[in-house]
């Protein structure tokens, strides 16, 4: 499974299965005996991460401060999205050809609705905030997937933090500091440009 996760993280879930077999040091025949379809392989590779997301959601629901719980849940999701291109596809689209997890997805949607309602009722979120706004946030953050980790992770945390501050019902007069900015050239932002694969990446230093 480690070989599949590494290849999918780098190339996405549509990566050639031959690349997975080579990384695992096995032949294609062996790979197909264990996983007859791409769907079976993706399911096995990401089952643990999807279960971890479910656990993180349970922890958020158990947090007495719904706003705090929601923020840390989203932080976990955002960091995972931008560091694993395969998980980005599985998480954002459900990769329906591979993962028959409709029951889990329905439960997650219901739990998020509860979490958002609690945060609104306690004044941590503005009253017109909807669970679907979480999807918009995650879509925005997922655009960082495939960038260098040293750029994608701080950029995702920074984007999440200032968006989340705008979602608050009563934004603080002096908001807390944002996470550090990603190491990109402010004149070019080359490291954030997926079309920029040359040596001038825009990374600081």
C-alpha atoms as a PDB file:
ATOM      1  CA  UNK A   1       0.000   0.000   0.000  1.00  0.00           C
ATOM      2  CA  UNK A   2       2.862   2.376   0.706  1.00  0.00           C
ATOM      3  CA  UNK A   3       3.978   2.247  -2.931  1.00  0.00           C
ATOM      4  CA  UNK A   4       0.470   3.052  -4.171  1.00  0.00           C
ATOM      5  CA  UNK A   5       0.091   5.945  -1.731  1.00  0.00           C
ATOM      6  CA  UNK A   6       3.457   7.409  -2.756  1.00  0.00           C
ATOM      7  CA  UNK A   7       2.670   7.226  -6.480  1.00  0.00           C
ATOM      8  CA  UNK A   8      -0.876   8.549  -6.066  1.00  0.00           C
ATOM      9  CA  UNK A   9       0.360  11.363  -3.816  1.00  0.00           C
ATOM     10  CA  UNK A  10       2.825  12.488  -6.478  1.00  0.00           C
ATOM     11  CA  UNK A  11       0.822  11.838  -9.653  1.00  0.00           C
ATOM     12  CA  UNK A  12      -2.824  11.502  -8.628  1.00  0.00           C
ATOM     13  CA  UNK A  13      -5.112   8.482  -8.675  1.00  0.00           C
ATOM     14  CA  UNK A  14      -4.953   8.305 -12.477  1.00  0.00           C
ATOM     15  CA  UNK A  15      -1.229   7.512 -12.352  1.00  0.00           C
ATOM     16  CA  UNK A  16      -0.134   4.508 -14.452  1.00  0.00           C
ATOM     17  CA  UNK A  17      -0.500   1.318 -12.460  1.00  0.00           C
ATOM     18  CA  UNK A  18       2.827   0.253 -13.892  1.00  0.00           C
ATOM     19  CA  UNK A  19       4.412   3.017 -11.819  1.00  0.00           C
ATOM     20  CA  UNK A  20       2.836   1.530  -8.698  1.00  0.00           C
ATOM     21  CA  UNK A  21       4.108  -1.940  -9.571  1.00  0.00           C
ATOM     22  CA  UNK A  22       7.638  -0.639 -10.165  1.00  0.00           C
ATOM     23  CA  UNK A  23       7.636   1.305  -6.897  1.00  0.00           C
ATOM     24  CA  UNK A  24       6.465  -1.820  -5.063  1.00  0.00           C
ATOM     25  CA  UNK A  25       9.007  -4.020  -6.829  1.00  0.00           C
ATOM     26  CA  UNK A  26       6.407  -6.430  -8.200  1.00  0.00           C
ATOM     27  CA  UNK A  27       5.138  -7.364 -11.632  1.00  0.00           C
ATOM     28  CA  UNK A  28       1.844  -6.249 -13.093  1.00  0.00           C
ATOM     29  CA  UNK A  29       0.475  -9.781 -12.786  1.00  0.00           C
ATOM     30  CA  UNK A  30       1.102  -9.751  -9.038  1.00  0.00           C
ATOM     31  CA  UNK A  31      -0.480  -6.316  -8.692  1.00  0.00           C
ATOM     32  CA  UNK A  32      -3.611  -7.402 -10.568  1.00  0.00           C
ATOM     33  CA  UNK A  33      -3.918 -10.579  -8.522  1.00  0.00           C
ATOM     34  CA  UNK A  34      -4.105  -8.508  -5.365  1.00  0.00           C
ATOM     35  CA  UNK A  35      -6.087  -5.611  -6.825  1.00  0.00           C
ATOM     36  CA  UNK A  36      -8.078  -6.602  -9.927  1.00  0.00           C
ATOM     37  CA  UNK A  37      -9.106  -2.995 -10.670  1.00  0.00           C
ATOM     38  CA  UNK A  38      -7.793   0.514 -10.136  1.00  0.00           C
ATOM     39  CA  UNK A  39     -10.835   1.112  -7.949  1.00  0.00           C
ATOM     40  CA  UNK A  40      -9.825  -1.691  -5.598  1.00  0.00           C
ATOM     41  CA  UNK A  41      -6.299  -0.303  -5.306  1.00  0.00           C
ATOM     42  CA  UNK A  42      -7.433   3.275  -4.634  1.00  0.00           C
ATOM     43  CA  UNK A  43      -9.933   2.054  -2.050  1.00  0.00           C
ATOM     44  CA  UNK A  44      -7.237   0.146  -0.182  1.00  0.00           C
ATOM     45  CA  UNK A  45      -4.706   2.978  -0.459  1.00  0.00           C
ATOM     46  CA  UNK A  46      -6.957   5.691   0.971  1.00  0.00           C
ATOM     47  CA  UNK A  47      -9.221   3.839   3.347  1.00  0.00           C
ATOM     48  CA  UNK A  48      -6.997   4.740   6.285  1.00  0.00           C
ATOM     49  CA  UNK A  49      -6.902   8.447   5.464  1.00  0.00           C
ATOM     50  CA  UNK A  50     -10.651   8.653   4.990  1.00  0.00           C
ATOM     51  CA  UNK A  51     -11.101   6.908   8.331  1.00  0.00           C
ATOM     52  CA  UNK A  52      -8.691   9.415   9.894  1.00  0.00           C
ATOM     53  CA  UNK A  53     -10.831  12.245   8.522  1.00  0.00           C
ATOM     54  CA  UNK A  54     -13.879  10.647  10.129  1.00  0.00           C
ATOM     55  CA  UNK A  55     -12.008  10.512  13.445  1.00  0.00           C
ATOM     56  CA  UNK A  56     -11.024  14.177  13.110  1.00  0.00           C
ATOM     57  CA  UNK A  57     -14.674  15.037  12.510  1.00  0.00           C
ATOM     58  CA  UNK A  58     -15.697  13.152  15.655  1.00  0.00           C
ATOM     59  CA  UNK A  59     -13.066  15.083  17.633  1.00  0.00           C
ATOM     60  CA  UNK A  60     -14.391  18.370  16.251  1.00  0.00           C
ATOM     61  CA  UNK A  61     -17.922  17.454  17.304  1.00  0.00           C
ATOM     62  CA  UNK A  62     -16.658  16.633  20.795  1.00  0.00           C
ATOM     63  CA  UNK A  63     -14.893  20.006  21.167  1.00  0.00           C
ATOM     64  CA  UNK A  64     -16.949  22.235  23.509  1.00  0.00           C
ATOM     65  CA  UNK A  65     -15.963  25.223  21.348  1.00  0.00           C
ATOM     66  CA  UNK A  66     -17.567  24.453  17.985  1.00  0.00           C
ATOM     67  CA  UNK A  67     -15.643  27.205  16.205  1.00  0.00           C
ATOM     68  CA  UNK A  68     -12.322  25.894  17.512  1.00  0.00           C
ATOM     69  CA  UNK A  69     -13.262  22.343  16.566  1.00  0.00           C
ATOM     70  CA  UNK A  70     -14.292  23.363  13.055  1.00  0.00           C
ATOM     71  CA  UNK A  71     -11.100  25.333  12.454  1.00  0.00           C
ATOM     72  CA  UNK A  72      -8.823  22.462  13.445  1.00  0.00           C
ATOM     73  CA  UNK A  73     -10.868  20.000  11.399  1.00  0.00           C
ATOM     74  CA  UNK A  74     -10.483  22.229   8.344  1.00  0.00           C
ATOM     75  CA  UNK A  75      -6.777  22.690   9.023  1.00  0.00           C
ATOM     76  CA  UNK A  76      -6.293  18.910   9.010  1.00  0.00           C
ATOM     77  CA  UNK A  77      -8.271  18.556   5.787  1.00  0.00           C
ATOM     78  CA  UNK A  78      -6.491  21.435   4.054  1.00  0.00           C
ATOM     79  CA  UNK A  79      -2.976  20.220   4.844  1.00  0.00           C
ATOM     80  CA  UNK A  80      -3.827  16.719   3.634  1.00  0.00           C
ATOM     81  CA  UNK A  81      -5.427  18.051   0.451  1.00  0.00           C
ATOM     82  CA  UNK A  82      -2.395  20.059  -0.616  1.00  0.00           C
ATOM     83  CA  UNK A  83       0.221  17.417   0.202  1.00  0.00           C
ATOM     84  CA  UNK A  84      -1.386  14.428  -1.514  1.00  0.00           C
ATOM     85  CA  UNK A  85      -2.664  14.849  -5.075  1.00  0.00           C
ATOM     86  CA  UNK A  86      -4.399  11.478  -4.955  1.00  0.00           C
ATOM     87  CA  UNK A  87      -6.246  12.260  -1.753  1.00  0.00           C
ATOM     88  CA  UNK A  88      -7.245  15.612  -3.222  1.00  0.00           C
ATOM     89  CA  UNK A  89      -9.206  13.754  -5.920  1.00  0.00           C
ATOM     90  CA  UNK A  90     -10.653  11.145  -3.570  1.00  0.00           C
ATOM     91  CA  UNK A  91     -11.709  13.698  -0.954  1.00  0.00           C
ATOM     92  CA  UNK A  92     -13.095  16.392  -3.234  1.00  0.00           C
ATOM     93  CA  UNK A  93     -14.932  14.161  -5.730  1.00  0.00           C
ATOM     94  CA  UNK A  94     -15.429  10.966  -3.770  1.00  0.00           C
ATOM     95  CA  UNK A  95     -13.796   9.141  -6.708  1.00  0.00           C
ATOM     96  CA  UNK A  96     -17.121   7.301  -7.123  1.00  0.00           C
ATOM     97  CA  UNK A  97     -15.665   4.703  -9.439  1.00  0.00           C
ATOM     98  CA  UNK A  98     -13.421   3.580  -6.615  1.00  0.00           C
ATOM     99  CA  UNK A  99     -14.980   4.301  -3.262  1.00  0.00           C
ATOM    100  CA  UNK A 100     -18.465   3.198  -2.389  1.00  0.00           C
ATOM    101  CA  UNK A 101     -18.597   5.205   0.820  1.00  0.00           C
ATOM    102  CA  UNK A 102     -21.902   6.980   0.344  1.00  0.00           C
ATOM    103  CA  UNK A 103     -22.994   6.147   3.883  1.00  0.00           C
ATOM    104  CA  UNK A 104     -19.832   7.659   5.342  1.00  0.00           C
ATOM    105  CA  UNK A 105     -20.141  10.759   3.148  1.00  0.00           C
ATOM    106  CA  UNK A 106     -23.759  11.258   4.181  1.00  0.00           C
ATOM    107  CA  UNK A 107     -22.784  10.926   7.842  1.00  0.00           C
ATOM    108  CA  UNK A 108     -19.954  13.432   7.372  1.00  0.00           C
ATOM    109  CA  UNK A 109     -22.275  15.943   5.713  1.00  0.00           C
ATOM    110  CA  UNK A 110     -24.772  15.618   8.547  1.00  0.00           C
ATOM    111  CA  UNK A 111     -22.046  15.992  11.177  1.00  0.00           C
ATOM    112  CA  UNK A 112     -20.642  19.095   9.475  1.00  0.00           C
ATOM    113  CA  UNK A 113     -24.119  20.615   9.421  1.00  0.00           C
ATOM    114  CA  UNK A 114     -24.398  20.029  13.171  1.00  0.00           C
ATOM    115  CA  UNK A 115     -20.959  21.560  13.762  1.00  0.00           C
ATOM    116  CA  UNK A 116     -21.777  24.643  11.684  1.00  0.00           C
ATOM    117  CA  UNK A 117     -25.130  25.080  13.439  1.00  0.00           C
ATOM    118  CA  UNK A 118     -23.454  24.934  16.861  1.00  0.00           C
ATOM    119  CA  UNK A 119     -20.819  27.451  15.798  1.00  0.00           C
ATOM    120  CA  UNK A 120     -23.510  29.829  14.526  1.00  0.00           C
ATOM    121  CA  UNK A 121     -25.592  29.452  17.688  1.00  0.00           C
ATOM    122  CA  UNK A 122     -22.608  30.285  19.892  1.00  0.00           C
ATOM    123  CA  UNK A 123     -21.661  33.300  17.793  1.00  0.00           C
ATOM    124  CA  UNK A 124     -18.486  31.777  16.383  1.00  0.00           C
ATOM    125  CA  UNK A 125     -19.785  31.892  12.799  1.00  0.00           C
ATOM    126  CA  UNK A 126     -21.897  34.498  11.044  1.00  0.00           C
ATOM    127  CA  UNK A 127     -25.558  33.526  10.758  1.00  0.00           C
ATOM    128  CA  UNK A 128     -25.549  33.302   6.961  1.00  0.00           C
ATOM    129  CA  UNK A 129     -22.636  30.839   6.867  1.00  0.00           C
ATOM    130  CA  UNK A 130     -23.720  27.536   5.313  1.00  0.00           C
ATOM    131  CA  UNK A 131     -22.078  24.084   5.282  1.00  0.00           C
ATOM    132  CA  UNK A 132     -21.671  24.459   1.515  1.00  0.00           C
ATOM    133  CA  UNK A 133     -19.282  27.339   2.209  1.00  0.00           C
ATOM    134  CA  UNK A 134     -16.866  24.727   3.557  1.00  0.00           C
ATOM    135  CA  UNK A 135     -16.809  23.131   0.117  1.00  0.00           C
ATOM    136  CA  UNK A 136     -15.969  26.499  -1.445  1.00  0.00           C
ATOM    137  CA  UNK A 137     -13.104  26.927   1.016  1.00  0.00           C
ATOM    138  CA  UNK A 138     -11.727  23.454   0.317  1.00  0.00           C
ATOM    139  CA  UNK A 139     -11.967  23.961  -3.447  1.00  0.00           C
ATOM    140  CA  UNK A 140      -9.961  27.171  -3.087  1.00  0.00           C
ATOM    141  CA  UNK A 141      -7.305  25.494  -0.955  1.00  0.00           C
ATOM    142  CA  UNK A 142      -7.095  22.409  -3.176  1.00  0.00           C
ATOM    143  CA  UNK A 143      -5.758  24.642  -5.940  1.00  0.00           C
ATOM    144  CA  UNK A 144      -2.443  24.487  -4.072  1.00  0.00           C
ATOM    145  CA  UNK A 145      -2.169  20.715  -4.550  1.00  0.00           C
ATOM    146  CA  UNK A 146       0.912  19.697  -6.480  1.00  0.00           C
ATOM    147  CA  UNK A 147       3.025  22.648  -5.333  1.00  0.00           C
ATOM    148  CA  UNK A 148       6.153  22.042  -3.259  1.00  0.00           C
ATOM    149  CA  UNK A 149       5.228  21.087   0.294  1.00  0.00           C
ATOM    150  CA  UNK A 150       7.239  23.963   1.755  1.00  0.00           C
ATOM    151  CA  UNK A 151       5.011  26.327  -0.216  1.00  0.00           C
ATOM    152  CA  UNK A 152       1.670  24.510  -0.198  1.00  0.00           C
ATOM    153  CA  UNK A 153       1.360  23.849   3.544  1.00  0.00           C
ATOM    154  CA  UNK A 154       2.003  27.397   4.842  1.00  0.00           C
ATOM    155  CA  UNK A 155      -0.062  28.838   1.983  1.00  0.00           C
ATOM    156  CA  UNK A 156      -2.989  26.552   2.838  1.00  0.00           C
ATOM    157  CA  UNK A 157      -2.838  27.439   6.539  1.00  0.00           C
ATOM    158  CA  UNK A 158      -2.626  31.145   5.799  1.00  0.00           C
ATOM    159  CA  UNK A 159      -5.519  31.061   3.331  1.00  0.00           C
ATOM    160  CA  UNK A 160      -7.650  29.043   5.748  1.00  0.00           C
ATOM    161  CA  UNK A 161      -6.923  31.378   8.652  1.00  0.00           C
ATOM    162  CA  UNK A 162      -7.855  34.650   7.006  1.00  0.00           C
ATOM    163  CA  UNK A 163     -10.924  33.127   5.352  1.00  0.00           C
ATOM    164  CA  UNK A 164     -12.017  31.663   8.673  1.00  0.00           C
ATOM    165  CA  UNK A 165     -11.568  35.042  10.352  1.00  0.00           C
ATOM    166  CA  UNK A 166     -13.952  36.531   7.780  1.00  0.00           C
ATOM    167  CA  UNK A 167     -16.525  33.847   8.600  1.00  0.00           C
ATOM    168  CA  UNK A 168     -16.749  34.890  12.239  1.00  0.00           C
ATOM    169  CA  UNK A 169     -19.939  36.548  13.433  1.00  0.00           C
ATOM    170  CA  UNK A 170     -17.993  39.157  15.362  1.00  0.00           C
ATOM    171  CA  UNK A 171     -14.507  39.458  13.890  1.00  0.00           C
ATOM    172  CA  UNK A 172     -12.091  40.538  16.637  1.00  0.00           C
ATOM    173  CA  UNK A 173     -11.016  44.165  16.609  1.00  0.00           C
ATOM    174  CA  UNK A 174      -7.449  42.913  16.494  1.00  0.00           C
ATOM    175  CA  UNK A 175      -7.415  39.529  14.738  1.00  0.00           C
ATOM    176  CA  UNK A 176      -4.710  37.104  15.752  1.00  0.00           C
ATOM    177  CA  UNK A 177      -1.645  36.901  13.547  1.00  0.00           C
ATOM    178  CA  UNK A 178      -1.844  34.890  10.349  1.00  0.00           C
ATOM    179  CA  UNK A 179       0.367  31.817   9.935  1.00  0.00           C
ATOM    180  CA  UNK A 180       3.685  32.601   8.213  1.00  0.00           C
ATOM    181  CA  UNK A 181       3.487  33.401   4.510  1.00  0.00           C
ATOM    182  CA  UNK A 182       4.777  30.753   2.081  1.00  0.00           C
ATOM    183  CA  UNK A 183       8.338  31.204   0.794  1.00  0.00           C
ATOM    184  CA  UNK A 184       7.475  32.692  -2.590  1.00  0.00           C
ATOM    185  CA  UNK A 185       8.896  35.633  -4.477  1.00  0.00           C
ATOM    186  CA  UNK A 186       6.358  38.452  -3.917  1.00  0.00           C
ATOM    187  CA  UNK A 187       7.180  39.776  -7.395  1.00  0.00           C
ATOM    188  CA  UNK A 188       6.309  36.572  -9.202  1.00  0.00           C
ATOM    189  CA  UNK A 189       4.700  33.909  -7.030  1.00  0.00           C
ATOM    190  CA  UNK A 190       6.347  31.406  -9.351  1.00  0.00           C
ATOM    191  CA  UNK A 191       6.172  28.556  -6.854  1.00  0.00           C
ATOM    192  CA  UNK A 192       2.401  28.871  -6.778  1.00  0.00           C
ATOM    193  CA  UNK A 193       2.148  28.713 -10.576  1.00  0.00           C
ATOM    194  CA  UNK A 194       1.509  25.118 -11.724  1.00  0.00           C
ATOM    195  CA  UNK A 195       2.765  26.010 -15.217  1.00  0.00           C
ATOM    196  CA  UNK A 196       6.114  27.174 -13.873  1.00  0.00           C
ATOM    197  CA  UNK A 197       8.315  24.096 -13.731  1.00  0.00           C
ATOM    198  CA  UNK A 198      11.585  25.739 -14.635  1.00  0.00           C
ATOM    199  CA  UNK A 199      14.538  26.433 -12.350  1.00  0.00           C
ATOM    200  CA  UNK A 200      13.149  29.879 -11.458  1.00  0.00           C
ATOM    201  CA  UNK A 201      10.455  28.540  -9.151  1.00  0.00           C
ATOM    202  CA  UNK A 202       9.829  31.727  -7.220  1.00  0.00           C
ATOM    203  CA  UNK A 203      11.007  30.160  -3.973  1.00  0.00           C
ATOM    204  CA  UNK A 204      12.656  32.536  -1.613  1.00  0.00           C
ATOM    205  CA  UNK A 205      16.430  32.248  -1.169  1.00  0.00           C
END
